[in-house]
């Protein structure tokens, strides 16, 4: 999976994100979190395709429907961690979660 081009010109989405961030400083953190989940879901979809396994087969292992898995793989939904874990497990993977300090709190301060 290749990294997105970070040197491209800002587009309408970039401008909208900047507007939301200026209105709500917490929006940026929420947006970055959603981007990380989407990247993980894209990677899991790629793993399913590499394994030549159908959405129907994987959905059955997850106890969900093929259409729900299709939405998970293609839509910008806010997927639950438990759902991502079930998808990874059905594909023979484990998702590892870890805590990373926020840049603004590296001094040890607590808000």
Protein backbone atom coordinates (compact mmCIF):
# COMPACT_ATOMS: atom_id res chain seq x y z
CA UNK A 1 0.00 0.00 0.00
CA UNK A 2 1.56 3.29 -1.03
CA UNK A 3 1.52 6.38 1.13
CA UNK A 4 -0.71 9.27 0.05
CA UNK A 5 1.00 12.18 -1.69
CA UNK A 6 1.43 14.77 1.06
CA UNK A 7 2.92 17.37 -1.28
CA UNK A 8 -0.16 17.91 -3.43
CA UNK A 9 -2.08 21.15 -3.56
CA UNK A 10 -4.89 21.59 -0.98
CA UNK A 11 -8.29 20.56 -2.29
CA UNK A 12 -11.84 21.25 -1.14
CA UNK A 13 -11.61 18.58 1.57
CA UNK A 14 -8.40 20.11 2.96
CA UNK A 15 -10.07 23.51 3.03
CA UNK A 16 -13.16 22.10 4.77
CA UNK A 17 -11.00 20.33 7.39
CA UNK A 18 -9.08 23.56 8.02
CA UNK A 19 -12.38 25.39 8.50
CA UNK A 20 -13.66 22.79 10.99
CA UNK A 21 -10.35 22.80 12.88
CA UNK A 22 -10.48 26.57 13.26
CA UNK A 23 -14.02 26.27 14.64
CA UNK A 24 -13.25 23.28 16.92
CA UNK A 25 -9.65 22.46 17.87
CA UNK A 26 -10.68 18.89 18.81
CA UNK A 27 -11.91 18.18 15.29
CA UNK A 28 -8.36 17.63 14.02
CA UNK A 29 -7.75 14.77 16.47
CA UNK A 30 -11.08 13.15 15.57
CA UNK A 31 -10.33 13.52 11.87
CA UNK A 32 -6.86 11.97 12.22
CA UNK A 33 -8.32 9.07 14.20
CA UNK A 34 -10.91 8.43 11.49
CA UNK A 35 -8.18 8.54 8.81
CA UNK A 36 -6.17 5.91 10.68
CA UNK A 37 -9.22 3.62 10.95
CA UNK A 38 -9.97 4.05 7.23
CA UNK A 39 -6.36 3.21 6.33
CA UNK A 40 -6.56 0.07 8.46
CA UNK A 41 -9.85 -0.94 6.83
CA UNK A 42 -8.35 -0.40 3.36
CA UNK A 43 -5.40 -2.58 4.33
CA UNK A 44 -7.72 -5.33 5.60
CA UNK A 45 -9.75 -5.15 2.36
CA UNK A 46 -6.50 -5.56 0.42
CA UNK A 47 -5.57 -8.59 2.56
CA UNK A 48 -8.96 -10.18 1.82
CA UNK A 49 -8.43 -9.65 -1.90
CA UNK A 50 -4.85 -11.00 -1.74
CA UNK A 51 -6.24 -14.13 -0.08
CA UNK A 52 -8.82 -14.40 -2.89
CA UNK A 53 -11.61 -14.66 -0.33
CA UNK A 54 -15.10 -13.33 -0.93
CA UNK A 55 -16.91 -10.76 1.15
CA UNK A 56 -19.62 -13.37 1.71
CA UNK A 57 -17.14 -15.85 3.19
CA UNK A 58 -15.50 -13.31 5.49
CA UNK A 59 -18.84 -11.79 6.51
CA UNK A 60 -20.05 -15.25 7.60
CA UNK A 61 -16.94 -15.66 9.76
CA UNK A 62 -17.71 -12.26 11.31
CA UNK A 63 -21.40 -13.14 11.86
CA UNK A 64 -22.51 -10.26 9.68
CA UNK A 65 -23.86 -9.77 6.16
CA UNK A 66 -21.93 -9.36 2.92
CA UNK A 67 -23.51 -5.94 2.44
CA UNK A 68 -22.35 -4.82 5.89
CA UNK A 69 -18.80 -5.91 5.06
CA UNK A 70 -18.98 -4.15 1.69
CA UNK A 71 -19.98 -0.91 3.46
CA UNK A 72 -17.17 -1.40 5.96
CA UNK A 73 -14.62 -1.82 3.16
CA UNK A 74 -15.84 1.04 0.96
CA UNK A 75 -17.61 3.71 2.99
CA UNK A 76 -16.12 6.29 5.31
CA UNK A 77 -18.07 4.87 8.23
CA UNK A 78 -16.82 5.27 11.79
CA UNK A 79 -16.14 1.59 12.43
CA UNK A 80 -15.98 0.26 15.98
CA UNK A 81 -12.69 -1.21 17.12
CA UNK A 82 -14.47 -4.48 17.92
CA UNK A 83 -15.70 -4.70 14.33
CA UNK A 84 -12.21 -4.06 12.98
CA UNK A 85 -10.87 -6.73 15.34
CA UNK A 86 -13.47 -9.25 14.08
CA UNK A 87 -12.55 -8.50 10.46
CA UNK A 88 -8.84 -8.91 11.16
CA UNK A 89 -9.48 -12.19 12.99
CA UNK A 90 -11.55 -13.55 10.10
CA UNK A 91 -8.57 -12.83 7.83
CA UNK A 92 -6.06 -14.44 10.18
CA UNK A 93 -4.66 -11.23 11.65
CA UNK A 94 -4.64 -9.46 15.00
CA UNK A 95 -4.89 -5.68 15.41
CA UNK A 96 -2.55 -4.27 18.03
CA UNK A 97 -3.61 -1.09 19.78
CA UNK A 98 -1.12 1.16 21.50
CA UNK A 99 -1.13 4.49 23.27
CA UNK A 100 0.91 7.30 21.78
CA UNK A 101 1.32 10.63 23.60
CA UNK A 102 -0.21 13.65 21.92
CA UNK A 103 2.42 16.17 20.85
CA UNK A 104 0.99 18.89 23.08
CA UNK A 105 1.06 16.65 26.18
CA UNK A 106 4.54 15.19 25.95
CA UNK A 107 5.61 17.32 28.89
CA UNK A 108 3.50 15.06 31.13
CA UNK A 109 0.76 17.58 31.77
CA UNK A 110 -2.78 16.31 32.16
CA UNK A 111 -5.83 18.16 30.94
